[in-house]
Amino acid sequence: MIPFSVLDLVPVREGGSLSEAYAASAALARTAEDAGYKRFWVAEHHAMEGIGGAAASVVLAHIGAATSTIRIGSGGIMLPNHTPFQIAEQFGTLEALYPGRIDLGLGRAPGAGPELQRALRKDLHAASEYFPQDVVELRALFTGDIDLPVKATPGFGANIEMWMLGSSLFGARLAAKLGLPYAFASHFAPDHLDAAIEIYRRDFQPSEALEKPHVMAAMTVLAADDDAEAEYFASSQLQAFVRLRTGSPGKLPPPIRDYRDSLPAQAQAMLAHIGQASAIGSAATVRDKIAGFIERTTADEIIVAGSTFEPEHRQRSLELTMDVLSG
């Protein structure tokens, strides 16, 4: 069986608080560790009241303290929002706290409008153009493979596993050129998945960190006792996705029975489109859908995403999924 990992957006639910969201993420990470998942990643999002992962490195410190063996990391850090030196210091600190457990997934899309750009004091369009050079500089701050005028402390010499993230062909090409493992965000952007994997594997250049290409593909996965229950629990995330895509994001809402059937055709088509990389249902349904996805992509690793209104439902989903995959 290939490795399985977990992506958590640190969801903040309606009627809930940030403190509760962080506690739920720590509990989910412990469940993932106990169940045998390889990694637990959180994602950087800003100015979104329903997502608590804005300060990703701080959240990872919290997750690290709650666990002992599972790898923890970013899925990802949006590097244009930062300087390479700052990220080297932050993740160098994490590696010193939790040696041999830290992943650094990097993304290029800042996902920010003019207001957030001003708040971050960054020209994010210009910063995105410098993304390849910034990735090379960040790696050098850890490895010393380029002579830089300043040394990150902490950071220099840290045993960090760097990853390239992507939802288009750009990240695939850059990951291949730099010899980095590659994670594709197919759970919300499945269109370029097959082409990106093909380009990455075809053009991969071995590096000191990685001898051969390694692809991790993301899926929305939610397992429950039967298909109807899983669909009900999944409706919270489906609602959040539709609200985001229609310009009205907010906190994670409670589940709704038969939610898909209540939607207009355009919204149903939107959910069907992202459903290309999803497995929602009973343990057997989830097993079969994941198997078909792996056969299609020949992924080396799968990372599972998905939020539920009640945190224990996602914990149970992780357990059911791993049980049926390893059984």
C-alpha atoms as a PDB file:
ATOM      1  CA  MET A   1       0.000   0.000   0.000  1.00  0.00           C
ATOM      2  CA  ILE A   2       1.277   3.465  -0.852  1.00  0.00           C
ATOM      3  CA  PRO A   3       1.533   6.050   1.958  1.00  0.00           C
ATOM      4  CA  PHE A   4      -1.474   8.159   2.912  1.00  0.00           C
ATOM      5  CA  SER A   5      -1.326  11.609   4.469  1.00  0.00           C
ATOM      6  CA  VAL A   6      -3.775  14.212   5.780  1.00  0.00           C
ATOM      7  CA  LEU A   7      -4.429  17.818   4.761  1.00  0.00           C
ATOM      8  CA  ASP A   8      -6.278  19.938   7.329  1.00  0.00           C
ATOM      9  CA  LEU A   9      -7.606  23.450   6.734  1.00  0.00           C
ATOM     10  CA  VAL A  10      -8.191  24.032  10.464  1.00  0.00           C
ATOM     11  CA  PRO A  11     -11.904  24.688   9.850  1.00  0.00           C
ATOM     12  CA  VAL A  12     -13.751  27.087  12.118  1.00  0.00           C
ATOM     13  CA  ARG A  13     -17.384  26.035  12.319  1.00  0.00           C
ATOM     14  CA  GLU A  14     -20.469  28.189  12.727  1.00  0.00           C
ATOM     15  CA  GLY A  15     -21.006  28.825  16.427  1.00  0.00           C
ATOM     16  CA  GLY A  16     -17.448  27.721  17.146  1.00  0.00           C
ATOM     17  CA  SER A  17     -14.201  29.503  18.006  1.00  0.00           C
ATOM     18  CA  LEU A  18     -10.617  29.521  16.833  1.00  0.00           C
ATOM     19  CA  SER A  19      -9.543  27.855  20.081  1.00  0.00           C
ATOM     20  CA  GLU A  20     -11.930  24.990  19.392  1.00  0.00           C
ATOM     21  CA  ALA A  21     -10.627  24.710  15.815  1.00  0.00           C
ATOM     22  CA  TYR A  22      -7.016  24.411  16.969  1.00  0.00           C
ATOM     23  CA  ALA A  23      -7.957  21.804  19.580  1.00  0.00           C
ATOM     24  CA  ALA A  24      -9.859  19.836  16.935  1.00  0.00           C
ATOM     25  CA  SER A  25      -6.885  19.914  14.553  1.00  0.00           C
ATOM     26  CA  ALA A  26      -4.561  18.619  17.273  1.00  0.00           C
ATOM     27  CA  ALA A  27      -7.006  15.810  18.040  1.00  0.00           C
ATOM     28  CA  LEU A  28      -7.256  14.991  14.334  1.00  0.00           C
ATOM     29  CA  ALA A  29      -3.465  14.865  14.050  1.00  0.00           C
ATOM     30  CA  ARG A  30      -3.291  12.413  16.957  1.00  0.00           C
ATOM     31  CA  THR A  31      -5.912  10.254  15.246  1.00  0.00           C
ATOM     32  CA  ALA A  32      -3.945  10.355  11.987  1.00  0.00           C
ATOM     33  CA  GLU A  33      -0.751   9.390  13.803  1.00  0.00           C
ATOM     34  CA  ASP A  34      -2.410   6.488  15.602  1.00  0.00           C
ATOM     35  CA  ALA A  35      -4.043   5.272  12.377  1.00  0.00           C
ATOM     36  CA  GLY A  36      -0.757   5.192  10.452  1.00  0.00           C
ATOM     37  CA  TYR A  37      -0.895   8.231   8.182  1.00  0.00           C
ATOM     38  CA  LYS A  38       2.520   9.515   7.120  1.00  0.00           C
ATOM     39  CA  ARG A  39       2.072  13.302   7.200  1.00  0.00           C
ATOM     40  CA  PHE A  40      -0.255  15.929   8.617  1.00  0.00           C
ATOM     41  CA  TRP A  41      -0.253  19.175   6.667  1.00  0.00           C
ATOM     42  CA  VAL A  42      -1.990  22.512   7.219  1.00  0.00           C
ATOM     43  CA  ALA A  43      -2.550  25.209   4.619  1.00  0.00           C
ATOM     44  CA  GLU A  44      -1.961  28.954   4.731  1.00  0.00           C
ATOM     45  CA  HIS A  45      -5.082  31.038   4.056  1.00  0.00           C
ATOM     46  CA  HIS A  46      -5.580  34.687   5.010  1.00  0.00           C
ATOM     47  CA  ALA A  47      -8.600  36.811   5.911  1.00  0.00           C
ATOM     48  CA  MET A  48     -11.008  33.838   5.856  1.00  0.00           C
ATOM     49  CA  GLU A  49     -13.084  33.492   9.013  1.00  0.00           C
ATOM     50  CA  GLY A  50     -13.759  29.822   8.352  1.00  0.00           C
ATOM     51  CA  ILE A  51     -10.087  28.780   8.155  1.00  0.00           C
ATOM     52  CA  GLY A  52      -7.662  29.048  11.077  1.00  0.00           C
ATOM     53  CA  GLY A  53      -4.351  28.256   9.365  1.00  0.00           C
ATOM     54  CA  ALA A  54      -3.147  31.774   8.488  1.00  0.00           C
ATOM     55  CA  ALA A  55      -0.079  31.534  10.757  1.00  0.00           C
ATOM     56  CA  ALA A  56       0.796  28.069   9.486  1.00  0.00           C
ATOM     57  CA  SER A  57       4.134  27.693  11.260  1.00  0.00           C
ATOM     58  CA  VAL A  58       2.535  28.564  14.615  1.00  0.00           C
ATOM     59  CA  VAL A  59      -0.253  26.041  14.038  1.00  0.00           C
ATOM     60  CA  LEU A  60       2.362  23.419  13.150  1.00  0.00           C
ATOM     61  CA  ALA A  61       4.152  24.044  16.435  1.00  0.00           C
ATOM     62  CA  HIS A  62       0.847  23.322  18.178  1.00  0.00           C
ATOM     63  CA  ILE A  63       0.339  20.142  16.108  1.00  0.00           C
ATOM     64  CA  GLY A  64       3.887  19.011  16.775  1.00  0.00           C
ATOM     65  CA  ALA A  65       3.417  19.335  20.513  1.00  0.00           C
ATOM     66  CA  ALA A  66       0.275  17.177  20.318  1.00  0.00           C
ATOM     67  CA  THR A  67       1.968  14.359  18.373  1.00  0.00           C
ATOM     68  CA  SER A  68       5.208  12.426  18.500  1.00  0.00           C
ATOM     69  CA  THR A  69       6.001  10.586  15.243  1.00  0.00           C
ATOM     70  CA  ILE A  70       3.874  11.778  12.314  1.00  0.00           C
ATOM     71  CA  ARG A  71       5.534  14.191   9.888  1.00  0.00           C
ATOM     72  CA  ILE A  72       4.020  17.672  10.044  1.00  0.00           C
ATOM     73  CA  GLY A  73       4.186  20.391   7.444  1.00  0.00           C
ATOM     74  CA  SER A  74       2.653  22.990   5.196  1.00  0.00           C
ATOM     75  CA  GLY A  75       0.350  22.259   2.332  1.00  0.00           C
ATOM     76  CA  GLY A  76       1.344  24.901   1.765  1.00  0.00           C
ATOM     77  CA  ILE A  77       3.181  28.076   2.575  1.00  0.00           C
ATOM     78  CA  MET A  78       2.414  30.674  -0.104  1.00  0.00           C
ATOM     79  CA  LEU A  79       5.966  31.918  -0.538  1.00  0.00           C
ATOM     80  CA  PRO A  80       5.085  35.197  -2.324  1.00  0.00           C
ATOM     81  CA  ASN A  81       3.489  36.324   0.953  1.00  0.00           C
ATOM     82  CA  HIS A  82       6.844  36.038   2.753  1.00  0.00           C
ATOM     83  CA  THR A  83      10.590  36.337   2.341  1.00  0.00           C
ATOM     84  CA  PRO A  84      12.641  33.156   2.006  1.00  0.00           C
ATOM     85  CA  PHE A  85      14.664  34.202   5.058  1.00  0.00           C
ATOM     86  CA  GLN A  86      11.581  34.420   7.289  1.00  0.00           C
ATOM     87  CA  ILE A  87      10.372  30.973   6.223  1.00  0.00           C
ATOM     88  CA  ALA A  88      13.846  29.506   6.739  1.00  0.00           C
ATOM     89  CA  GLU A  89      13.840  30.819  10.311  1.00  0.00           C
ATOM     90  CA  GLN A  90      10.316  29.593  11.027  1.00  0.00           C
ATOM     91  CA  PHE A  91      10.784  26.101   9.648  1.00  0.00           C
ATOM     92  CA  GLY A  92      14.294  25.866  11.024  1.00  0.00           C
ATOM     93  CA  THR A  93      12.734  26.502  14.432  1.00  0.00           C
ATOM     94  CA  LEU A  94      10.130  23.799  13.826  1.00  0.00           C
ATOM     95  CA  GLU A  95      12.813  21.306  12.807  1.00  0.00           C
ATOM     96  CA  ALA A  96      14.784  22.054  15.968  1.00  0.00           C
ATOM     97  CA  LEU A  97      11.639  21.448  18.033  1.00  0.00           C
ATOM     98  CA  TYR A  98      10.550  18.311  16.139  1.00  0.00           C
ATOM     99  CA  PRO A  99      13.683  16.847  14.488  1.00  0.00           C
ATOM    100  CA  GLY A 100      13.215  14.742  11.373  1.00  0.00           C
ATOM    101  CA  ARG A 101       9.481  15.459  11.131  1.00  0.00           C
ATOM    102  CA  ILE A 102       9.164  18.714   9.168  1.00  0.00           C
ATOM    103  CA  ASP A 103       7.864  19.144   5.606  1.00  0.00           C
ATOM    104  CA  LEU A 104       7.775  22.478   3.798  1.00  0.00           C
ATOM    105  CA  GLY A 105       5.291  22.526   0.938  1.00  0.00           C
ATOM    106  CA  LEU A 106       5.511  25.703  -1.139  1.00  0.00           C
ATOM    107  CA  GLY A 107       2.898  27.335  -3.330  1.00  0.00           C
ATOM    108  CA  ARG A 108       3.094  30.251  -5.747  1.00  0.00           C
ATOM    109  CA  ALA A 109      -0.480  31.539  -5.786  1.00  0.00           C
ATOM    110  CA  PRO A 110      -0.860  34.307  -3.210  1.00  0.00           C
ATOM    111  CA  GLY A 111      -4.670  34.257  -3.486  1.00  0.00           C
ATOM    112  CA  ALA A 112      -4.939  37.855  -2.350  1.00  0.00           C
ATOM    113  CA  GLY A 113      -6.800  40.938  -3.515  1.00  0.00           C
ATOM    114  CA  PRO A 114      -5.586  44.546  -3.197  1.00  0.00           C
ATOM    115  CA  GLU A 115      -6.699  44.897   0.429  1.00  0.00           C
ATOM    116  CA  LEU A 116      -4.715  41.873   1.587  1.00  0.00           C
ATOM    117  CA  GLN A 117      -1.698  42.929  -0.442  1.00  0.00           C
ATOM    118  CA  ARG A 118      -1.683  46.232   1.410  1.00  0.00           C
ATOM    119  CA  ALA A 119      -2.082  44.453   4.744  1.00  0.00           C
ATOM    120  CA  LEU A 120       0.882  42.182   3.941  1.00  0.00           C
ATOM    121  CA  ARG A 121       2.924  45.136   2.598  1.00  0.00           C
ATOM    122  CA  LYS A 122       3.684  43.088  -0.499  1.00  0.00           C
ATOM    123  CA  ASP A 123       3.345  43.468  -4.258  1.00  0.00           C
ATOM    124  CA  LEU A 124       2.187  39.883  -4.634  1.00  0.00           C
ATOM    125  CA  HIS A 125       2.093  39.944  -8.423  1.00  0.00           C
ATOM    126  CA  ALA A 126       5.759  40.915  -8.549  1.00  0.00           C
ATOM    127  CA  ALA A 127       6.605  38.457  -5.767  1.00  0.00           C
ATOM    128  CA  SER A 128       4.978  35.631  -7.751  1.00  0.00           C
ATOM    129  CA  GLU A 129       7.271  36.400 -10.678  1.00  0.00           C
ATOM    130  CA  TYR A 130      10.290  35.834  -8.420  1.00  0.00           C
ATOM    131  CA  PHE A 131       8.905  32.585  -7.007  1.00  0.00           C
ATOM    132  CA  PRO A 132      11.414  30.194  -8.702  1.00  0.00           C
ATOM    133  CA  GLN A 133      14.386  32.263  -7.512  1.00  0.00           C
ATOM    134  CA  ASP A 134      12.908  32.494  -4.021  1.00  0.00           C
ATOM    135  CA  VAL A 135      12.514  28.700  -3.839  1.00  0.00           C
ATOM    136  CA  VAL A 136      16.174  28.262  -4.824  1.00  0.00           C
ATOM    137  CA  GLU A 137      17.233  30.867  -2.239  1.00  0.00           C
ATOM    138  CA  LEU A 138      15.122  29.216   0.463  1.00  0.00           C
ATOM    139  CA  ARG A 139      16.675  25.831  -0.225  1.00  0.00           C
ATOM    140  CA  ALA A 140      20.129  27.388  -0.088  1.00  0.00           C
ATOM    141  CA  LEU A 141      19.345  28.924   3.308  1.00  0.00           C
ATOM    142  CA  PHE A 142      18.817  25.367   4.587  1.00  0.00           C
ATOM    143  CA  THR A 143      21.589  23.588   2.668  1.00  0.00           C
ATOM    144  CA  GLY A 144      24.278  26.172   1.977  1.00  0.00           C
ATOM    145  CA  ASP A 145      24.530  24.990  -1.653  1.00  0.00           C
ATOM    146  CA  ILE A 146      24.694  28.649  -2.705  1.00  0.00           C
ATOM    147  CA  ASP A 147      26.964  31.098  -0.901  1.00  0.00           C
ATOM    148  CA  LEU A 148      24.579  33.659   0.578  1.00  0.00           C
ATOM    149  CA  PRO A 149      25.654  36.821   2.432  1.00  0.00           C
ATOM    150  CA  VAL A 150      23.554  35.983   5.504  1.00  0.00           C
ATOM    151  CA  LYS A 151      22.918  32.715   7.340  1.00  0.00           C
ATOM    152  CA  ALA A 152      19.508  31.810   8.781  1.00  0.00           C
ATOM    153  CA  THR A 153      19.783  30.824  12.426  1.00  0.00           C
ATOM    154  CA  PRO A 154      17.742  28.741  13.026  1.00  0.00           C
ATOM    155  CA  GLY A 155      17.427  27.359   9.519  1.00  0.00           C
ATOM    156  CA  PHE A 156      20.910  26.616   8.209  1.00  0.00           C
ATOM    157  CA  GLY A 157      21.551  22.875   8.296  1.00  0.00           C
ATOM    158  CA  ALA A 158      17.927  22.041   9.162  1.00  0.00           C
ATOM    159  CA  ASN A 159      16.685  18.685   7.895  1.00  0.00           C
ATOM    160  CA  ILE A 160      13.654  20.006   6.016  1.00  0.00           C
ATOM    161  CA  GLU A 161      11.811  18.013   3.339  1.00  0.00           C
ATOM    162  CA  MET A 162      10.847  20.614   0.744  1.00  0.00           C
ATOM    163  CA  TRP A 163       7.894  20.040  -1.584  1.00  0.00           C
ATOM    164  CA  MET A 164       6.516  21.886  -4.570  1.00  0.00           C
ATOM    165  CA  LEU A 165       2.737  22.321  -4.618  1.00  0.00           C
ATOM    166  CA  GLY A 166       0.624  23.057  -7.646  1.00  0.00           C
ATOM    167  CA  SER A 167      -2.730  23.132  -9.354  1.00  0.00           C
ATOM    168  CA  SER A 168      -1.400  23.906 -12.835  1.00  0.00           C
ATOM    169  CA  LEU A 169       1.552  22.941 -15.025  1.00  0.00           C
ATOM    170  CA  PHE A 170       3.889  25.640 -13.651  1.00  0.00           C
ATOM    171  CA  GLY A 171       4.577  23.849 -10.370  1.00  0.00           C
ATOM    172  CA  ALA A 172       5.113  20.539 -12.161  1.00  0.00           C
ATOM    173  CA  ARG A 173       7.821  22.025 -14.358  1.00  0.00           C
ATOM    174  CA  LEU A 174       9.544  23.778 -11.458  1.00  0.00           C
ATOM    175  CA  ALA A 175       9.428  20.690  -9.230  1.00  0.00           C
ATOM    176  CA  ALA A 176      10.944  18.618 -12.023  1.00  0.00           C
ATOM    177  CA  LYS A 177      13.707  21.147 -12.677  1.00  0.00           C
ATOM    178  CA  LEU A 178      14.662  21.429  -8.999  1.00  0.00           C
ATOM    179  CA  GLY A 179      14.316  17.728  -8.210  1.00  0.00           C
ATOM    180  CA  LEU A 180      11.637  18.214  -5.554  1.00  0.00           C
ATOM    181  CA  PRO A 181       8.693  15.996  -4.624  1.00  0.00           C
ATOM    182  CA  TYR A 182       5.449  17.312  -6.104  1.00  0.00           C
ATOM    183  CA  ALA A 183       1.960  17.549  -4.587  1.00  0.00           C
ATOM    184  CA  PHE A 184      -1.010  18.357  -6.833  1.00  0.00           C
ATOM    185  CA  ALA A 185      -4.152  20.022  -5.455  1.00  0.00           C
ATOM    186  CA  SER A 186      -6.565  17.803  -7.379  1.00  0.00           C
ATOM    187  CA  HIS A 187      -9.111  17.930  -4.555  1.00  0.00           C
ATOM    188  CA  PHE A 188     -10.203  21.396  -5.696  1.00  0.00           C
ATOM    189  CA  ALA A 189      -8.517  21.828  -9.118  1.00  0.00           C
ATOM    190  CA  PRO A 190      -8.531  18.510 -11.004  1.00  0.00           C
ATOM    191  CA  ASP A 191      -8.291  19.848 -14.559  1.00  0.00           C
ATOM    192  CA  HIS A 192      -4.526  19.658 -15.107  1.00  0.00           C
ATOM    193  CA  LEU A 193      -3.782  16.668 -12.883  1.00  0.00           C
ATOM    194  CA  ASP A 194      -2.857  14.118 -15.549  1.00  0.00           C
ATOM    195  CA  ALA A 195      -0.838  16.534 -17.669  1.00  0.00           C
ATOM    196  CA  ALA A 196       1.019  17.899 -14.634  1.00  0.00           C
ATOM    197  CA  ILE A 197       2.019  14.427 -13.458  1.00  0.00           C
ATOM    198  CA  GLU A 198       3.178  13.482 -16.961  1.00  0.00           C
ATOM    199  CA  ILE A 199       5.313  16.622 -17.300  1.00  0.00           C
ATOM    200  CA  TYR A 200       6.786  16.246 -13.824  1.00  0.00           C
ATOM    201  CA  ARG A 201       7.810  12.619 -14.337  1.00  0.00           C
ATOM    202  CA  ARG A 202       9.069  13.176 -17.877  1.00  0.00           C
ATOM    203  CA  ASP A 203      11.242  16.186 -17.043  1.00  0.00           C
ATOM    204  CA  PHE A 204      12.378  15.258 -13.529  1.00  0.00           C
ATOM    205  CA  GLN A 205      16.032  15.978 -12.770  1.00  0.00           C
ATOM    206  CA  PRO A 206      17.461  14.109  -9.763  1.00  0.00           C
ATOM    207  CA  SER A 207      18.752  16.209  -6.880  1.00  0.00           C
ATOM    208  CA  GLU A 208      20.599  15.606  -3.638  1.00  0.00           C
ATOM    209  CA  ALA A 209      17.235  15.493  -1.903  1.00  0.00           C
ATOM    210  CA  LEU A 210      15.421  13.183  -4.334  1.00  0.00           C
ATOM    211  CA  GLU A 211      16.710  10.564  -6.770  1.00  0.00           C
ATOM    212  CA  LYS A 212      13.461   9.854  -8.616  1.00  0.00           C
ATOM    213  CA  PRO A 213      10.109  11.641  -9.007  1.00  0.00           C
ATOM    214  CA  HIS A 214       7.576  11.414  -6.194  1.00  0.00           C
ATOM    215  CA  VAL A 215       3.975  12.507  -6.771  1.00  0.00           C
ATOM    216  CA  MET A 216       1.392  13.075  -4.062  1.00  0.00           C
ATOM    217  CA  ALA A 217      -2.168  13.722  -5.274  1.00  0.00           C
ATOM    218  CA  ALA A 218      -4.900  15.215  -3.105  1.00  0.00           C
ATOM    219  CA  MET A 219      -8.397  13.781  -2.742  1.00  0.00           C
ATOM    220  CA  THR A 220     -11.456  14.782  -0.768  1.00  0.00           C
ATOM    221  CA  VAL A 221     -12.147  11.681   1.323  1.00  0.00           C
ATOM    222  CA  LEU A 222     -14.961  11.136   3.795  1.00  0.00           C
ATOM    223  CA  ALA A 223     -15.893   7.663   5.003  1.00  0.00           C
ATOM    224  CA  ALA A 224     -18.842   6.802   7.228  1.00  0.00           C
ATOM    225  CA  ASP A 225     -20.964   3.775   8.056  1.00  0.00           C
ATOM    226  CA  ASP A 226     -22.905   4.052   4.794  1.00  0.00           C
ATOM    227  CA  ASP A 227     -23.037   6.190   1.658  1.00  0.00           C
ATOM    228  CA  ALA A 228     -25.960   8.336   2.799  1.00  0.00           C
ATOM    229  CA  GLU A 229     -24.351   9.197   6.135  1.00  0.00           C
ATOM    230  CA  ALA A 230     -21.074  10.101   4.452  1.00  0.00           C
ATOM    231  CA  GLU A 231     -22.856  12.354   1.972  1.00  0.00           C
ATOM    232  CA  TYR A 232     -24.663  14.051   4.847  1.00  0.00           C
ATOM    233  CA  PHE A 233     -21.447  14.712   6.776  1.00  0.00           C
ATOM    234  CA  ALA A 234     -19.693  15.884   3.594  1.00  0.00           C
ATOM    235  CA  SER A 235     -22.412  18.453   2.897  1.00  0.00           C
ATOM    236  CA  SER A 236     -20.757  20.915   5.295  1.00  0.00           C
ATOM    237  CA  GLN A 237     -17.651  21.118   3.135  1.00  0.00           C
ATOM    238  CA  LEU A 238     -19.707  21.100  -0.063  1.00  0.00           C
ATOM    239  CA  GLN A 239     -21.691  24.079   1.217  1.00  0.00           C
ATOM    240  CA  ALA A 240     -18.474  25.891   2.120  1.00  0.00           C
ATOM    241  CA  PHE A 241     -17.055  25.257  -1.352  1.00  0.00           C
ATOM    242  CA  VAL A 242     -20.156  26.519  -3.134  1.00  0.00           C
ATOM    243  CA  ARG A 243     -20.259  29.606  -0.926  1.00  0.00           C
ATOM    244  CA  LEU A 244     -16.588  30.310  -1.621  1.00  0.00           C
ATOM    245  CA  ARG A 245     -16.987  29.952  -5.380  1.00  0.00           C
ATOM    246  CA  THR A 246     -20.067  32.161  -5.383  1.00  0.00           C
ATOM    247  CA  GLY A 247     -18.404  34.953  -3.407  1.00  0.00           C
ATOM    248  CA  SER A 248     -19.903  34.428   0.045  1.00  0.00           C
ATOM    249  CA  PRO A 249     -17.366  32.486   2.134  1.00  0.00           C
ATOM    250  CA  GLY A 250     -17.856  32.029   5.851  1.00  0.00           C
ATOM    251  CA  LYS A 251     -17.498  29.561   8.675  1.00  0.00           C
ATOM    252  CA  LEU A 252     -18.125  25.854   8.161  1.00  0.00           C
ATOM    253  CA  PRO A 253     -21.916  25.299   8.221  1.00  0.00           C
ATOM    254  CA  PRO A 254     -23.863  22.394   9.743  1.00  0.00           C
ATOM    255  CA  PRO A 255     -24.664  19.491   7.405  1.00  0.00           C
ATOM    256  CA  ILE A 256     -27.862  19.353   5.346  1.00  0.00           C
ATOM    257  CA  ARG A 257     -29.654  16.226   4.164  1.00  0.00           C
ATOM    258  CA  ASP A 258     -29.816  15.838   0.377  1.00  0.00           C
ATOM    259  CA  TYR A 259     -27.833  19.037  -0.086  1.00  0.00           C
ATOM    260  CA  ARG A 260     -26.763  18.371  -3.668  1.00  0.00           C
ATOM    261  CA  ASP A 261     -30.354  17.834  -4.784  1.00  0.00           C
ATOM    262  CA  SER A 262     -31.301  21.278  -3.464  1.00  0.00           C
ATOM    263  CA  LEU A 263     -28.801  23.083  -5.686  1.00  0.00           C
ATOM    264  CA  PRO A 264     -29.308  24.647  -9.122  1.00  0.00           C
ATOM    265  CA  ALA A 265     -27.771  22.810 -12.059  1.00  0.00           C
ATOM    266  CA  GLN A 266     -24.720  25.082 -12.254  1.00  0.00           C
ATOM    267  CA  ALA A 267     -23.750  24.422  -8.626  1.00  0.00           C
ATOM    268  CA  GLN A 268     -24.356  20.701  -9.036  1.00  0.00           C
ATOM    269  CA  ALA A 269     -22.028  20.708 -12.039  1.00  0.00           C
ATOM    270  CA  MET A 270     -19.389  22.549  -9.998  1.00  0.00           C
ATOM    271  CA  LEU A 271     -19.480  19.865  -7.301  1.00  0.00           C
ATOM    272  CA  ALA A 272     -19.454  17.083  -9.878  1.00  0.00           C
ATOM    273  CA  HIS A 273     -16.371  18.637 -11.432  1.00  0.00           C
ATOM    274  CA  ILE A 274     -14.313  18.651  -8.221  1.00  0.00           C
ATOM    275  CA  GLY A 275     -15.746  15.232  -7.440  1.00  0.00           C
ATOM    276  CA  GLN A 276     -13.341  13.749  -9.973  1.00  0.00           C
ATOM    277  CA  ALA A 277     -10.860  13.553  -7.074  1.00  0.00           C
ATOM    278  CA  SER A 278     -13.150  12.581  -4.223  1.00  0.00           C
ATOM    279  CA  ALA A 279     -14.226   9.481  -2.338  1.00  0.00           C
ATOM    280  CA  ILE A 280     -17.330   9.996  -0.219  1.00  0.00           C
ATOM    281  CA  GLY A 281     -19.268   7.010   1.088  1.00  0.00           C
ATOM    282  CA  SER A 282     -19.034   3.810   3.050  1.00  0.00           C
ATOM    283  CA  ALA A 283     -15.639   2.272   3.702  1.00  0.00           C
ATOM    284  CA  ALA A 284     -16.093  -0.018   0.693  1.00  0.00           C
ATOM    285  CA  THR A 285     -17.123   2.880  -1.549  1.00  0.00           C
ATOM    286  CA  VAL A 286     -14.147   4.942  -0.413  1.00  0.00           C
ATOM    287  CA  ARG A 287     -11.765   2.014  -0.957  1.00  0.00           C
ATOM    288  CA  ASP A 288     -12.973   1.470  -4.524  1.00  0.00           C
ATOM    289  CA  LYS A 289     -12.869   5.153  -5.456  1.00  0.00           C
ATOM    290  CA  ILE A 290      -9.377   5.613  -4.038  1.00  0.00           C
ATOM    291  CA  ALA A 291      -8.194   2.497  -5.854  1.00  0.00           C
ATOM    292  CA  GLY A 292      -9.541   3.839  -9.138  1.00  0.00           C
ATOM    293  CA  PHE A 293      -7.875   7.206  -8.566  1.00  0.00           C
ATOM    294  CA  ILE A 294      -4.515   5.590  -7.812  1.00  0.00           C
ATOM    295  CA  GLU A 295      -4.811   3.412 -10.907  1.00  0.00           C
ATOM    296  CA  ARG A 296      -5.506   6.485 -13.018  1.00  0.00           C
ATOM    297  CA  THR A 297      -2.703   8.653 -11.626  1.00  0.00           C
ATOM    298  CA  THR A 298      -0.165   6.035 -10.448  1.00  0.00           C
ATOM    299  CA  ALA A 299       0.437   8.445  -7.560  1.00  0.00           C
ATOM    300  CA  ASP A 300       3.215   7.565  -5.127  1.00  0.00           C
ATOM    301  CA  GLU A 301       1.222   8.974  -2.207  1.00  0.00           C
ATOM    302  CA  ILE A 302      -2.296  10.267  -1.514  1.00  0.00           C
ATOM    303  CA  ILE A 303      -3.172  13.144   0.794  1.00  0.00           C
ATOM    304  CA  VAL A 304      -6.769  13.240   1.988  1.00  0.00           C
ATOM    305  CA  ALA A 305      -8.678  16.466   2.588  1.00  0.00           C
ATOM    306  CA  GLY A 306     -12.194  17.132   3.829  1.00  0.00           C
ATOM    307  CA  SER A 307     -13.901  18.937   6.696  1.00  0.00           C
ATOM    308  CA  THR A 308     -16.876  17.910   8.814  1.00  0.00           C
ATOM    309  CA  PHE A 309     -18.975  20.036  11.136  1.00  0.00           C
ATOM    310  CA  GLU A 310     -18.460  17.626  14.040  1.00  0.00           C
ATOM    311  CA  PRO A 311     -14.707  16.969  14.414  1.00  0.00           C
ATOM    312  CA  GLU A 312     -15.248  13.388  15.581  1.00  0.00           C
ATOM    313  CA  HIS A 313     -16.811  12.525  12.212  1.00  0.00           C
ATOM    314  CA  ARG A 314     -13.578  13.335  10.409  1.00  0.00           C
ATOM    315  CA  GLN A 315     -11.555  11.420  12.980  1.00  0.00           C
ATOM    316  CA  ARG A 316     -13.806   8.421  12.382  1.00  0.00           C
ATOM    317  CA  SER A 317     -13.417   8.907   8.637  1.00  0.00           C
ATOM    318  CA  LEU A 318      -9.619   8.739   8.880  1.00  0.00           C
ATOM    319  CA  GLU A 319      -9.848   5.538  10.915  1.00  0.00           C
ATOM    320  CA  LEU A 320     -12.357   3.859   8.582  1.00  0.00           C
ATOM    321  CA  THR A 321     -10.347   4.843   5.516  1.00  0.00           C
ATOM    322  CA  MET A 322      -7.062   3.476   6.799  1.00  0.00           C
ATOM    323  CA  ASP A 323      -8.723   0.306   8.117  1.00  0.00           C
ATOM    324  CA  VAL A 324     -10.281  -0.528   4.776  1.00  0.00           C
ATOM    325  CA  LEU A 325      -7.145   0.336   2.795  1.00  0.00           C
ATOM    326  CA  SER A 326      -4.845  -1.775   4.940  1.00  0.00           C
ATOM    327  CA  GLY A 327      -7.301  -4.624   5.479  1.00  0.00           C
END
